[in-house]
Amino acid sequence: MKSPVLSILFLLISVTLLAVPNDFRFRHFSVEDGLSSNSVRAIMQDKYGFLWIGTEEGLNRYDGIMIKSYSICPQAAGKYISSLYGTKKNIWIGTDEGIYIYAYATETFTYFDLTTPNNVRITSIVNHILQDKDGNLWFSTNGARLVPIQSIKKLFGTIRIYKCVRNSSKHNGRQ
């Protein structure tokens, strides 16, 4: 009795799974579609459903219909975007020269300039940005540095945020 019931159940499940459509659609983007470069280095979906795409030549946002390119810093066309991370209020953008922050509320970009008590600064390629369960942001950079940034609640009282001003190709050569 058990065997025929299991066989019929297996048959019904198999037919049901075959009847479910596999309607996956992939769309390929290129510079012809408005992407700033064909070399994509970072992708994230934000809390509004937008797809943010970081390339070797800048930041792009896809809204499901069209691609919009953003200039992180007007003086620096074609910023190399290496990582993206979204929080409730911001998108943290790792670049080849450190970190920029996109604020949803003002739709502006600012350069994130942090000097730790040990005089460590983030001015090289930021490979990854993550947040731990306590709300701390972690940045990994070239040169095998893993830089913890204390809780976001305390963050803006202990750092300097500058408007985007570009003095040289590497922010005055800081390492």
C-alpha atoms as a PDB file:
ATOM      1  CA  MET A   1       0.000   0.000   0.000  1.00  0.00           C
ATOM      2  CA  LYS A   2       2.822   2.350   0.839  1.00  0.00           C
ATOM      3  CA  SER A   3       4.675   1.817  -2.421  1.00  0.00           C
ATOM      4  CA  PRO A   4       1.811   2.725  -4.825  1.00  0.00           C
ATOM      5  CA  VAL A   5       0.933   5.841  -2.770  1.00  0.00           C
ATOM      6  CA  LEU A   6       4.559   6.989  -2.796  1.00  0.00           C
ATOM      7  CA  SER A   7       4.806   6.294  -6.529  1.00  0.00           C
ATOM      8  CA  ILE A   8       1.684   8.324  -7.288  1.00  0.00           C
ATOM      9  CA  LEU A   9       2.875  11.138  -4.998  1.00  0.00           C
ATOM     10  CA  PHE A  10       6.287  11.153  -6.704  1.00  0.00           C
ATOM     11  CA  LEU A  11       4.617  11.228 -10.133  1.00  0.00           C
ATOM     12  CA  LEU A  12       2.351  14.138  -9.150  1.00  0.00           C
ATOM     13  CA  ILE A  13       5.264  16.149  -7.733  1.00  0.00           C
ATOM     14  CA  SER A  14       7.350  15.492 -10.856  1.00  0.00           C
ATOM     15  CA  VAL A  15       4.543  16.586 -13.199  1.00  0.00           C
ATOM     16  CA  THR A  16       3.926  19.702 -11.085  1.00  0.00           C
ATOM     17  CA  LEU A  17       7.598  20.678 -11.185  1.00  0.00           C
ATOM     18  CA  LEU A  18       7.715  20.222 -14.951  1.00  0.00           C
ATOM     19  CA  ALA A  19       4.611  22.391 -15.357  1.00  0.00           C
ATOM     20  CA  VAL A  20       6.217  25.354 -13.547  1.00  0.00           C
ATOM     21  CA  PRO A  21       7.609  27.681 -16.203  1.00  0.00           C
ATOM     22  CA  ASN A  22      11.298  28.466 -16.094  1.00  0.00           C
ATOM     23  CA  ASP A  23      10.846  32.045 -17.189  1.00  0.00           C
ATOM     24  CA  PHE A  24      14.271  33.461 -16.412  1.00  0.00           C
ATOM     25  CA  ARG A  25      15.275  36.458 -18.451  1.00  0.00           C
ATOM     26  CA  PHE A  26      18.737  37.875 -18.589  1.00  0.00           C
ATOM     27  CA  ARG A  27      19.491  41.274 -19.979  1.00  0.00           C
ATOM     28  CA  HIS A  28      23.018  42.176 -21.003  1.00  0.00           C
ATOM     29  CA  PHE A  29      24.105  45.803 -20.742  1.00  0.00           C
ATOM     30  CA  SER A  30      26.943  47.542 -22.506  1.00  0.00           C
ATOM     31  CA  VAL A  31      28.130  51.056 -23.225  1.00  0.00           C
ATOM     32  CA  GLU A  32      25.602  51.141 -26.067  1.00  0.00           C
ATOM     33  CA  ASP A  33      22.846  50.893 -23.425  1.00  0.00           C
ATOM     34  CA  GLY A  34      24.313  53.756 -21.378  1.00  0.00           C
ATOM     35  CA  LEU A  35      26.681  51.831 -19.100  1.00  0.00           C
ATOM     36  CA  SER A  36      29.824  53.857 -18.388  1.00  0.00           C
ATOM     37  CA  SER A  37      32.079  50.863 -19.160  1.00  0.00           C
ATOM     38  CA  ASN A  38      31.749  47.212 -20.150  1.00  0.00           C
ATOM     39  CA  SER A  39      34.028  46.262 -17.224  1.00  0.00           C
ATOM     40  CA  VAL A  40      31.659  45.863 -14.271  1.00  0.00           C
ATOM     41  CA  ARG A  41      33.375  45.628 -10.867  1.00  0.00           C
ATOM     42  CA  ALA A  42      30.482  45.894  -8.363  1.00  0.00           C
ATOM     43  CA  ILE A  43      26.707  45.407  -8.322  1.00  0.00           C
ATOM     44  CA  MET A  44      24.118  45.934  -5.602  1.00  0.00           C
ATOM     45  CA  GLN A  45      20.359  46.377  -5.331  1.00  0.00           C
ATOM     46  CA  ASP A  46      19.276  49.178  -3.014  1.00  0.00           C
ATOM     47  CA  LYS A  47      16.270  49.437  -0.707  1.00  0.00           C
ATOM     48  CA  TYR A  48      14.228  51.061  -3.504  1.00  0.00           C
ATOM     49  CA  GLY A  49      14.873  48.228  -5.956  1.00  0.00           C
ATOM     50  CA  PHE A  50      17.373  50.130  -8.118  1.00  0.00           C
ATOM     51  CA  LEU A  51      20.343  48.189  -9.417  1.00  0.00           C
ATOM     52  CA  TRP A  52      23.606  50.082  -8.872  1.00  0.00           C
ATOM     53  CA  ILE A  53      26.464  49.092 -11.162  1.00  0.00           C
ATOM     54  CA  GLY A  54      30.053  50.116 -10.500  1.00  0.00           C
ATOM     55  CA  THR A  55      32.434  49.991 -13.450  1.00  0.00           C
ATOM     56  CA  GLU A  56      35.990  50.967 -14.265  1.00  0.00           C
ATOM     57  CA  GLU A  57      34.642  54.270 -15.568  1.00  0.00           C
ATOM     58  CA  GLY A  58      31.989  55.248 -13.027  1.00  0.00           C
ATOM     59  CA  LEU A  59      28.715  54.558 -11.244  1.00  0.00           C
ATOM     60  CA  ASN A  60      25.424  53.685 -12.950  1.00  0.00           C
ATOM     61  CA  ARG A  61      21.868  53.092 -11.736  1.00  0.00           C
ATOM     62  CA  TYR A  62      19.395  50.860 -13.557  1.00  0.00           C
ATOM     63  CA  ASP A  63      15.708  51.429 -12.754  1.00  0.00           C
ATOM     64  CA  GLY A  64      14.325  48.534 -14.807  1.00  0.00           C
ATOM     65  CA  ILE A  65      13.946  50.667 -17.919  1.00  0.00           C
ATOM     66  CA  MET A  66      17.027  52.812 -18.401  1.00  0.00           C
ATOM     67  CA  ILE A  67      20.555  53.324 -17.117  1.00  0.00           C
ATOM     68  CA  LYS A  68      21.573  56.604 -15.516  1.00  0.00           C
ATOM     69  CA  SER A  69      25.253  57.468 -15.080  1.00  0.00           C
ATOM     70  CA  TYR A  70      26.424  59.392 -12.025  1.00  0.00           C
ATOM     71  CA  SER A  71      29.420  61.624 -11.596  1.00  0.00           C
ATOM     72  CA  ILE A  72      30.682  61.000  -8.081  1.00  0.00           C
ATOM     73  CA  CYS A  73      33.000  63.954  -8.291  1.00  0.00           C
ATOM     74  CA  PRO A  74      32.597  66.503 -11.106  1.00  0.00           C
ATOM     75  CA  GLN A  75      36.344  67.118 -11.196  1.00  0.00           C
ATOM     76  CA  ALA A  76      37.026  63.388 -11.626  1.00  0.00           C
ATOM     77  CA  ALA A  77      35.334  61.937 -14.677  1.00  0.00           C
ATOM     78  CA  GLY A  78      35.289  58.159 -14.860  1.00  0.00           C
ATOM     79  CA  LYS A  79      35.873  57.102 -11.262  1.00  0.00           C
ATOM     80  CA  TYR A  80      36.907  53.417 -10.876  1.00  0.00           C
ATOM     81  CA  ILE A  81      34.216  51.793  -8.685  1.00  0.00           C
ATOM     82  CA  SER A  82      35.454  48.682  -6.903  1.00  0.00           C
ATOM     83  CA  SER A  83      32.743  47.967  -4.300  1.00  0.00           C
ATOM     84  CA  LEU A  84      29.234  49.025  -3.231  1.00  0.00           C
ATOM     85  CA  TYR A  85      27.351  48.605   0.039  1.00  0.00           C
ATOM     86  CA  GLY A  86      23.916  49.971   0.966  1.00  0.00           C
ATOM     87  CA  THR A  87      22.736  51.028   4.420  1.00  0.00           C
ATOM     88  CA  LYS A  88      19.435  52.660   5.421  1.00  0.00           C
ATOM     89  CA  LYS A  89      20.554  56.195   4.589  1.00  0.00           C
ATOM     90  CA  ASN A  90      23.544  55.798   2.278  1.00  0.00           C
ATOM     91  CA  ILE A  91      25.388  53.833  -0.340  1.00  0.00           C
ATOM     92  CA  TRP A  92      29.054  53.381   0.527  1.00  0.00           C
ATOM     93  CA  ILE A  93      31.135  53.396  -2.640  1.00  0.00           C
ATOM     94  CA  GLY A  94      34.632  51.931  -2.729  1.00  0.00           C
ATOM     95  CA  THR A  95      36.825  53.491  -5.412  1.00  0.00           C
ATOM     96  CA  ASP A  96      40.432  53.485  -6.507  1.00  0.00           C
ATOM     97  CA  GLU A  97      41.053  56.493  -4.230  1.00  0.00           C
ATOM     98  CA  GLY A  98      39.109  55.589  -1.106  1.00  0.00           C
ATOM     99  CA  ILE A  99      35.442  55.834  -0.170  1.00  0.00           C
ATOM    100  CA  TYR A 100      32.583  58.069  -1.244  1.00  0.00           C
ATOM    101  CA  ILE A 101      29.116  58.164   0.284  1.00  0.00           C
ATOM    102  CA  TYR A 102      25.894  58.646  -1.652  1.00  0.00           C
ATOM    103  CA  ALA A 103      23.143  60.087   0.585  1.00  0.00           C
ATOM    104  CA  TYR A 104      19.622  59.103  -0.451  1.00  0.00           C
ATOM    105  CA  ALA A 105      18.101  62.149   1.287  1.00  0.00           C
ATOM    106  CA  THR A 106      20.127  64.756  -0.617  1.00  0.00           C
ATOM    107  CA  GLU A 107      21.151  62.682  -3.653  1.00  0.00           C
ATOM    108  CA  THR A 108      24.717  63.909  -3.229  1.00  0.00           C
ATOM    109  CA  PHE A 109      28.158  62.325  -3.047  1.00  0.00           C
ATOM    110  CA  THR A 110      30.761  63.157  -0.415  1.00  0.00           C
ATOM    111  CA  TYR A 111      34.313  61.959   0.048  1.00  0.00           C
ATOM    112  CA  PHE A 112      34.764  59.900   3.228  1.00  0.00           C
ATOM    113  CA  ASP A 113      38.018  60.976   4.849  1.00  0.00           C
ATOM    114  CA  LEU A 114      38.910  59.030   7.967  1.00  0.00           C
ATOM    115  CA  THR A 115      42.149  59.059   9.899  1.00  0.00           C
ATOM    116  CA  THR A 116      42.328  56.475  12.678  1.00  0.00           C
ATOM    117  CA  PRO A 117      44.177  57.122  15.959  1.00  0.00           C
ATOM    118  CA  ASN A 118      47.099  55.162  14.419  1.00  0.00           C
ATOM    119  CA  ASN A 119      47.159  57.627  11.489  1.00  0.00           C
ATOM    120  CA  VAL A 120      45.778  55.069   9.007  1.00  0.00           C
ATOM    121  CA  ARG A 121      43.840  56.525   6.074  1.00  0.00           C
ATOM    122  CA  ILE A 122      41.853  54.847   3.342  1.00  0.00           C
ATOM    123  CA  THR A 123      43.097  56.275   0.048  1.00  0.00           C
ATOM    124  CA  SER A 124      43.674  53.139  -2.013  1.00  0.00           C
ATOM    125  CA  ILE A 125      41.348  50.699  -3.757  1.00  0.00           C
ATOM    126  CA  VAL A 126      38.539  49.549  -1.448  1.00  0.00           C
ATOM    127  CA  ASN A 127      37.858  45.943  -2.402  1.00  0.00           C
ATOM    128  CA  HIS A 128      34.946  45.125  -0.077  1.00  0.00           C
ATOM    129  CA  ILE A 129      32.571  46.884   2.293  1.00  0.00           C
ATOM    130  CA  LEU A 130      30.572  44.881   4.836  1.00  0.00           C
ATOM    131  CA  GLN A 131      28.564  45.505   8.001  1.00  0.00           C
ATOM    132  CA  ASP A 132      28.614  43.198  11.006  1.00  0.00           C
ATOM    133  CA  LYS A 133      25.715  42.379  13.326  1.00  0.00           C
ATOM    134  CA  ASP A 134      26.666  45.250  15.654  1.00  0.00           C
ATOM    135  CA  GLY A 135      26.380  47.851  12.886  1.00  0.00           C
ATOM    136  CA  ASN A 136      30.119  48.269  12.354  1.00  0.00           C
ATOM    137  CA  LEU A 137      31.304  48.837   8.801  1.00  0.00           C
ATOM    138  CA  TRP A 138      34.434  47.032   7.633  1.00  0.00           C
ATOM    139  CA  PHE A 139      36.510  48.070   4.623  1.00  0.00           C
ATOM    140  CA  SER A 140      39.175  45.900   3.004  1.00  0.00           C
ATOM    141  CA  THR A 141      41.757  47.699   0.913  1.00  0.00           C
ATOM    142  CA  ASN A 142      44.741  46.891  -1.253  1.00  0.00           C
ATOM    143  CA  GLY A 143      47.800  46.266   0.847  1.00  0.00           C
ATOM    144  CA  ALA A 144      45.884  43.709   2.998  1.00  0.00           C
ATOM    145  CA  ARG A 145      44.360  46.304   5.296  1.00  0.00           C
ATOM    146  CA  LEU A 146      41.090  45.513   7.011  1.00  0.00           C
ATOM    147  CA  VAL A 147      39.791  48.740   8.508  1.00  0.00           C
ATOM    148  CA  PRO A 148      36.935  48.567  11.039  1.00  0.00           C
ATOM    149  CA  ILE A 149      34.762  51.650  11.367  1.00  0.00           C
ATOM    150  CA  GLN A 150      32.928  51.800  14.685  1.00  0.00           C
ATOM    151  CA  SER A 151      29.155  51.744  14.972  1.00  0.00           C
ATOM    152  CA  ILE A 152      27.290  53.895  12.454  1.00  0.00           C
ATOM    153  CA  LYS A 153      25.527  55.611  15.375  1.00  0.00           C
ATOM    154  CA  LYS A 154      28.888  57.033  16.494  1.00  0.00           C
ATOM    155  CA  LEU A 155      30.354  57.335  13.019  1.00  0.00           C
ATOM    156  CA  PHE A 156      29.632  60.897  12.033  1.00  0.00           C
ATOM    157  CA  GLY A 157      30.938  62.354  15.291  1.00  0.00           C
ATOM    158  CA  THR A 158      34.414  60.911  14.762  1.00  0.00           C
ATOM    159  CA  ILE A 159      35.151  61.421  11.070  1.00  0.00           C
ATOM    160  CA  ARG A 160      35.566  64.216   8.606  1.00  0.00           C
ATOM    161  CA  ILE A 161      33.420  64.276   5.488  1.00  0.00           C
ATOM    162  CA  TYR A 162      34.508  66.625   2.729  1.00  0.00           C
ATOM    163  CA  LYS A 163      32.630  67.909  -0.253  1.00  0.00           C
ATOM    164  CA  CYS A 164      33.997  66.399  -3.413  1.00  0.00           C
ATOM    165  CA  VAL A 165      37.087  68.415  -4.322  1.00  0.00           C
ATOM    166  CA  ARG A 166      39.834  66.897  -6.360  1.00  0.00           C
ATOM    167  CA  ASN A 167      43.272  68.483  -5.917  1.00  0.00           C
ATOM    168  CA  SER A 168      45.302  65.780  -7.609  1.00  0.00           C
ATOM    169  CA  SER A 169      44.908  62.292  -8.989  1.00  0.00           C
ATOM    170  CA  LYS A 170      45.440  60.651  -5.599  1.00  0.00           C
ATOM    171  CA  HIS A 171      44.105  63.170  -3.054  1.00  0.00           C
ATOM    172  CA  ASN A 172      47.466  64.881  -2.548  1.00  0.00           C
ATOM    173  CA  GLY A 173      49.323  61.566  -2.687  1.00  0.00           C
ATOM    174  CA  ARG A 174      48.092  60.235   0.675  1.00  0.00           C
ATOM    175  CA  GLN A 175      48.574  56.521   1.142  1.00  0.00           C
END
